[in-house]
Each structure stands twice: as structure tokens, then as C-alpha cells.
């Protein structure tokens, strides 16, 4: 029972649960934004729903509507989530500069040599 309690209370599981809840709510926000963009496209070009479009009897309209919605969602996620997150991460948690000329192999050799000298 202690192992189960530890599993439930570990940080990764709680963070994952929070991420799932936030993602669900954020999905609704993105869908609403896509609806706004599709309405604007509809005002400019006619109808925002291409589902009835069937050139030569081939039902490509639903694919076109889904493709436009996907592109809008991808743009929203990139410009309103990824870009601000990356900028904030770089600002508040800058990556430390690497030691010049130092590689992982070089560090391992130094550690090995240091351990050999102590022994």
C-alpha cells in the first residue's frame, strides 16, 4: 500500500494530471478561436465550411475544412504557446554557457584521472 501511495503522490503523476486537465480546457479555447477565424474566412470568401464541396463527385470538402482548421490550430499553438514559452524559458532559465573546448568525453577522462590519482 505504501508503494501505491508513493506512486499517486509523486510529482510526475500530479503534473501529468494537471497537464491533461489544462489541455482539455485549452482545447476548447482553441476550438473557439478556430471558429472565429473560420467565420472571418467565410466573410471574406463565402462560406467557412467546405464540407459540401465535391469537384467531380469526389468528397474533398471535409478534408479541406479539416486542413484549414488544423493549420489555424497549429499557428495558434505555435504563436500563442510555443513562442512565448520559449522566450520566457530563455529569459528566466537561461542555459549555462558550455565550457569552451570541453566535451563530455573530456570531462569523463578528467573524472577518471582524478579518481585514479586518489586511489
Protein backbone atom coordinates (compact mmCIF):
# COMPACT_ATOMS: atom_id res chain seq x y z
CA UNK A 1 0.00 0.00 0.00
CA UNK A 2 2.90 2.37 0.69
CA UNK A 3 4.19 1.90 -2.84
CA UNK A 4 0.78 2.78 -4.27
CA UNK A 5 0.61 5.92 -2.10
CA UNK A 6 4.08 6.91 -3.24
CA UNK A 7 3.08 6.34 -6.87
CA UNK A 8 -0.02 8.53 -6.54
CA UNK A 9 1.81 11.34 -4.79
CA UNK A 10 4.92 11.51 -6.94
CA UNK A 11 5.35 14.76 -8.81
CA UNK A 12 5.26 13.34 -12.32
CA UNK A 13 1.80 11.86 -11.94
CA UNK A 14 0.35 15.03 -10.44
CA UNK A 15 1.99 17.18 -13.13
CA UNK A 16 0.63 14.86 -15.82
CA UNK A 17 -2.89 15.03 -14.38
CA UNK A 18 -2.75 18.82 -14.29
CA UNK A 19 -1.46 18.87 -17.88
CA UNK A 20 -4.33 16.69 -19.08
CA UNK A 21 -6.94 18.91 -17.41
CA UNK A 22 -5.35 22.11 -18.73
CA UNK A 23 -5.01 20.62 -22.21
CA UNK A 24 -8.71 19.76 -22.28
CA UNK A 25 -9.73 23.26 -21.34
CA UNK A 26 -7.16 24.82 -23.67
CA UNK A 27 -8.56 22.67 -26.49
CA UNK A 28 -11.94 24.37 -26.03
CA UNK A 29 -10.29 27.78 -26.22
CA UNK A 30 -8.51 26.83 -29.44
CA UNK A 31 -11.71 25.44 -30.98
CA UNK A 32 -13.48 28.72 -30.22
CA UNK A 33 -10.61 30.68 -31.78
CA UNK A 34 -10.70 28.45 -34.89
CA UNK A 35 -14.42 29.13 -35.17
CA UNK A 36 -13.72 32.87 -35.13
CA UNK A 37 -11.04 32.52 -37.83
CA UNK A 38 -13.27 30.29 -39.96
CA UNK A 39 -16.08 32.85 -39.65
CA UNK A 40 -13.69 35.58 -40.81
CA UNK A 41 -12.62 33.40 -43.76
CA UNK A 42 -16.30 32.89 -44.51
CA UNK A 43 -16.96 36.62 -44.54
CA UNK A 44 -14.09 37.15 -46.99
CA UNK A 45 -14.52 34.15 -49.26
CA UNK A 46 -18.08 32.95 -48.86
CA UNK A 47 -18.60 30.02 -46.55
CA UNK A 48 -16.18 28.77 -43.88
CA UNK A 49 -17.48 25.21 -44.25
CA UNK A 50 -16.22 23.48 -47.38
CA UNK A 51 -17.76 20.12 -46.46
CA UNK A 52 -20.23 20.22 -49.35
CA UNK A 53 -17.51 20.88 -51.94
CA UNK A 54 -17.36 17.93 -54.35
CA UNK A 55 -15.40 18.60 -57.54
CA UNK A 56 -16.06 15.76 -59.98
CA UNK A 57 -18.09 13.92 -57.34
CA UNK A 58 -15.07 13.47 -55.03
CA UNK A 59 -15.79 14.49 -51.43
CA UNK A 60 -12.75 16.68 -50.70
CA UNK A 61 -14.64 19.42 -48.88
CA UNK A 62 -14.44 17.82 -45.43
CA UNK A 63 -10.69 17.34 -45.92
CA UNK A 64 -10.24 21.00 -46.91
CA UNK A 65 -12.21 22.16 -43.85
CA UNK A 66 -10.18 19.89 -41.54
CA UNK A 67 -6.91 21.00 -43.16
CA UNK A 68 -7.69 24.70 -42.71
CA UNK A 69 -8.74 24.07 -39.09
CA UNK A 70 -5.51 22.14 -38.47
CA UNK A 71 -3.36 24.94 -39.90
CA UNK A 72 -5.16 27.51 -37.77
CA UNK A 73 -4.77 25.37 -34.64
CA UNK A 74 -1.08 24.76 -35.37
CA UNK A 75 -0.50 28.50 -35.86
CA UNK A 76 -2.36 29.38 -32.65
CA UNK A 77 -0.43 26.82 -30.62
CA UNK A 78 2.89 27.91 -32.10
CA UNK A 79 2.45 31.68 -31.84
CA UNK A 80 0.50 31.83 -28.58
CA UNK A 81 2.06 28.92 -26.64
CA UNK A 82 5.41 27.75 -28.04
CA UNK A 83 6.95 31.15 -28.84
CA UNK A 84 6.02 32.83 -25.52
CA UNK A 85 7.04 29.71 -23.57
CA UNK A 86 10.42 29.57 -25.30
CA UNK A 87 11.05 33.28 -24.70
CA UNK A 88 10.04 33.02 -21.03
CA UNK A 89 12.16 29.90 -20.55
CA UNK A 90 15.21 31.58 -22.10
CA UNK A 91 14.64 34.71 -20.01
CA UNK A 92 14.04 33.09 -16.62
CA UNK A 93 16.07 29.90 -17.01
CA UNK A 94 18.98 30.69 -19.34
CA UNK A 95 21.09 27.78 -20.44
CA UNK A 96 24.54 27.92 -18.85
CA UNK A 97 27.34 28.51 -21.32
CA UNK A 98 29.33 25.40 -22.08
CA UNK A 99 32.97 25.23 -21.07
CA UNK A 100 34.89 26.12 -24.19
CA UNK A 101 36.60 23.19 -25.81
CA UNK A 102 35.28 20.83 -23.14
CA UNK A 103 33.44 17.75 -24.35
CA UNK A 104 31.64 15.05 -22.44
CA UNK A 105 34.45 12.64 -23.23
CA UNK A 106 37.00 15.16 -21.93
CA UNK A 107 35.10 15.55 -18.69
CA UNK A 108 34.89 11.79 -18.26
CA UNK A 109 38.64 11.47 -18.83
CA UNK A 110 39.26 14.15 -16.19
CA UNK A 111 36.99 12.37 -13.71
CA UNK A 112 38.69 9.04 -14.39
CA UNK A 113 42.15 10.55 -13.98
CA UNK A 114 41.09 12.29 -10.77
CA UNK A 115 39.74 9.04 -9.34
CA UNK A 116 42.89 7.17 -10.32
CA UNK A 117 45.11 9.78 -8.63
CA UNK A 118 43.14 9.48 -5.38
CA UNK A 119 43.47 5.72 -5.31
